[in-house]
Amino acid sequence: MIQFQDSDSDCSSDIYSSCWIILPVMLSAVTAERDQLKDVDELAKHKNVEAGAGTVSGILVQVVEHNSCFYLNFHADTHDGLCFFLALQGQKLESSLAEKENCIKELESNLCEQKEVSNRQHNEIRLLTERLTNEARRIKLLEREGDRLRSEISLLESKVGLQG
């Protein structure tokens, strides 16, 4: 199970941006693996045999090539043995597929949470930038006012010096 820090904790934006990049990559990898498992399950249902075979516990194992990938095709001496073996393999595939789908859902959920956190941080940064800009304008205005007052003081001092 993938663990992430609480969204309210103080983490740097680098961590969130790396999660933002990593989560979709992980999601696509898990989705691809799930799709491959579905393909293997469908391939097991078809009987396109193109290679050699051997026997294991009364079950004939054949290597099948499909789209440059090698898969195993199983045949039993008895119909019941084959059905049991295929049912067992099908259950394993379905279990693995369900596990991958749960992982995908969890990754999608984490991705949505990370997007929300990222959006909140983006809005907070935008507000802080606006405040900083306003404060910089106010500082410049006060500096100009200070320069004007110093100039006025100098002018008044020179007038007082001429009269005195």
Protein backbone atom coordinates (compact mmCIF):
# COMPACT_ATOMS: atom_id res chain seq x y z
CA MET A 1 0.00 0.00 0.00
CA ILE A 2 1.38 3.42 -0.91
CA GLN A 3 1.66 5.91 1.94
CA PHE A 4 1.78 9.68 1.55
CA GLN A 5 2.27 12.39 4.13
CA ASP A 6 -0.73 14.25 5.46
CA SER A 7 -1.72 16.99 3.04
CA ASP A 8 -1.75 19.60 5.84
CA SER A 9 1.86 18.96 6.85
CA ASP A 10 4.61 21.36 5.84
CA CYS A 11 6.33 19.64 2.91
CA SER A 12 8.28 21.42 0.25
CA SER A 13 6.61 21.91 -3.10
CA ASP A 14 9.39 19.79 -4.65
CA ILE A 15 7.99 16.71 -2.94
CA TYR A 16 4.51 17.45 -4.21
CA SER A 17 5.69 18.16 -7.73
CA SER A 18 7.67 14.89 -7.78
CA CYS A 19 4.57 13.03 -6.53
CA TRP A 20 2.61 14.81 -9.23
CA ILE A 21 5.02 13.34 -11.79
CA ILE A 22 5.46 9.88 -10.21
CA LEU A 23 1.78 9.05 -9.57
CA PRO A 24 0.64 9.18 -13.22
CA VAL A 25 3.66 7.09 -14.24
CA MET A 26 2.86 4.49 -11.58
CA LEU A 27 -0.79 4.58 -12.57
CA SER A 28 0.00 3.95 -16.23
CA ALA A 29 2.41 1.11 -15.33
CA VAL A 30 -0.17 -0.63 -13.18
CA THR A 31 -2.85 -0.09 -15.84
CA ALA A 32 -0.56 -1.60 -18.49
CA GLU A 33 0.14 -4.60 -16.28
CA ARG A 34 -3.61 -5.06 -15.67
CA ASP A 35 -4.25 -4.95 -19.41
CA GLN A 36 -1.51 -7.52 -20.00
CA LEU A 37 -3.14 -9.83 -17.44
CA LYS A 38 -6.45 -9.46 -19.28
CA ASP A 39 -4.67 -10.31 -22.56
CA VAL A 40 -3.08 -13.40 -20.99
CA ASP A 41 -6.48 -14.49 -19.67
CA GLU A 42 -8.05 -14.10 -23.12
CA LEU A 43 -5.12 -15.85 -24.76
CA ALA A 44 -5.57 -18.82 -22.42
CA LYS A 45 -9.13 -19.13 -23.70
CA HIS A 46 -7.95 -19.43 -27.32
CA LYS A 47 -6.03 -22.44 -28.53
CA ASN A 48 -3.38 -21.04 -30.88
CA VAL A 49 -0.52 -23.45 -30.27
CA GLU A 50 2.73 -23.00 -32.17
CA ALA A 51 5.53 -24.65 -30.18
CA GLY A 52 6.83 -27.71 -28.29
CA ALA A 53 5.39 -29.25 -25.12
CA GLY A 54 6.18 -31.25 -21.98
CA THR A 55 4.09 -32.96 -19.24
CA VAL A 56 3.84 -31.93 -15.60
CA SER A 57 1.63 -34.02 -13.25
CA GLY A 58 -0.54 -35.29 -16.10
CA ILE A 59 -0.93 -31.79 -17.56
CA LEU A 60 0.48 -31.04 -20.98
CA VAL A 61 2.30 -27.69 -21.02
CA GLN A 62 2.80 -26.01 -24.40
CA VAL A 63 4.65 -22.80 -25.19
CA VAL A 64 2.54 -20.38 -27.22
CA GLU A 65 3.97 -17.37 -29.05
CA HIS A 66 1.67 -14.39 -29.53
CA ASN A 67 2.83 -10.89 -30.56
CA SER A 68 6.48 -11.72 -29.76
CA CYS A 69 5.52 -12.82 -26.21
CA PHE A 70 5.65 -16.39 -24.95
CA TYR A 71 2.80 -17.83 -22.90
CA LEU A 72 2.06 -21.29 -21.52
CA ASN A 73 -0.93 -23.28 -22.75
CA PHE A 74 -2.06 -26.14 -20.49
CA HIS A 75 -3.83 -29.39 -21.47
CA ALA A 76 -4.71 -32.23 -19.07
CA ASP A 77 -5.14 -35.94 -19.70
CA THR A 78 -8.65 -35.69 -18.33
CA HIS A 79 -11.27 -33.04 -18.87
CA ASP A 80 -11.79 -32.66 -15.08
CA GLY A 81 -8.07 -32.17 -14.44
CA LEU A 82 -7.88 -29.49 -17.12
CA CYS A 83 -10.99 -27.73 -15.84
CA PHE A 84 -9.65 -27.74 -12.29
CA PHE A 85 -6.23 -26.50 -13.39
CA LEU A 86 -7.69 -23.76 -15.61
CA ALA A 87 -10.16 -22.74 -12.90
CA LEU A 88 -7.27 -22.43 -10.46
CA GLN A 89 -5.25 -20.38 -12.95
CA GLY A 90 -8.31 -18.26 -13.75
CA GLN A 91 -8.86 -17.57 -10.06
CA LYS A 92 -5.23 -16.52 -9.70
CA LEU A 93 -5.53 -14.22 -12.71
CA GLU A 94 -8.82 -12.76 -11.46
CA SER A 95 -7.36 -12.26 -7.99
CA SER A 96 -4.29 -10.57 -9.45
CA LEU A 97 -6.47 -8.46 -11.74
CA ALA A 98 -8.70 -7.39 -8.82
CA GLU A 99 -5.60 -6.52 -6.81
CA LYS A 100 -4.25 -4.41 -9.68
CA GLU A 101 -7.60 -2.66 -10.11
CA ASN A 102 -7.66 -1.83 -6.38
CA CYS A 103 -4.13 -0.48 -6.70
CA ILE A 104 -5.21 1.63 -9.68
CA LYS A 105 -8.17 3.01 -7.72
CA GLU A 106 -5.88 3.83 -4.81
CA LEU A 107 -3.39 5.56 -7.12
CA GLU A 108 -6.19 7.54 -8.78
CA SER A 109 -7.46 8.59 -5.35
CA ASN A 110 -3.95 9.62 -4.27
CA LEU A 111 -3.51 11.51 -7.54
CA CYS A 112 -6.74 13.44 -6.93
CA GLU A 113 -5.63 14.27 -3.39
CA GLN A 114 -2.26 15.47 -4.67
CA LYS A 115 -3.99 17.63 -7.30
CA GLU A 116 -6.13 19.23 -4.58
CA VAL A 117 -3.07 19.88 -2.42
CA SER A 118 -1.22 21.30 -5.41
CA ASN A 119 -4.13 23.59 -6.30
CA ARG A 120 -4.38 24.85 -2.71
CA GLN A 121 -0.65 25.54 -2.62
CA HIS A 122 -0.82 27.29 -6.00
CA ASN A 123 -3.63 29.54 -4.76
CA GLU A 124 -1.73 30.29 -1.55
CA ILE A 125 1.42 31.17 -3.51
CA ARG A 126 -0.62 33.44 -5.80
CA LEU A 127 -2.15 35.27 -2.80
CA LEU A 128 1.24 35.67 -1.13
CA THR A 129 2.72 37.01 -4.39
CA GLU A 130 -0.07 39.59 -4.61
CA ARG A 131 0.55 40.66 -1.00
CA LEU A 132 4.28 40.93 -1.65
CA THR A 133 3.67 43.07 -4.75
CA ASN A 134 1.35 45.38 -2.81
CA GLU A 135 3.87 45.73 0.01
CA ALA A 136 6.66 46.52 -2.49
CA ARG A 137 4.49 49.29 -4.00
CA ARG A 138 3.78 50.67 -0.54
CA ILE A 139 7.49 50.71 0.31
CA LYS A 140 8.32 52.61 -2.90
CA LEU A 141 5.53 55.09 -2.16
CA LEU A 142 6.88 55.64 1.37
CA GLU A 143 10.44 56.05 0.04
CA ARG A 144 9.25 58.74 -2.40
CA GLU A 145 7.32 60.45 0.40
CA GLY A 146 10.48 60.35 2.57
CA ASP A 147 12.55 61.89 -0.26
CA ARG A 148 9.93 64.62 -0.75
CA LEU A 149 9.89 65.43 2.99
CA ARG A 150 13.72 65.56 3.15
CA SER A 151 13.70 67.91 0.18
CA GLU A 152 11.10 70.11 1.87
CA ILE A 153 13.09 70.12 5.12
CA SER A 154 16.23 71.16 3.24
CA LEU A 155 14.32 73.96 1.55
CA LEU A 156 12.91 75.18 4.89
CA GLU A 157 16.35 74.98 6.53
CA SER A 158 17.86 77.06 3.74
CA LYS A 159 15.09 79.68 4.15
CA VAL A 160 15.64 79.79 7.92
CA GLY A 161 19.40 80.10 7.35
CA LEU A 162 18.89 83.08 4.99
CA GLN A 163 16.60 84.89 7.42
CA GLY A 164 18.75 84.30 10.45
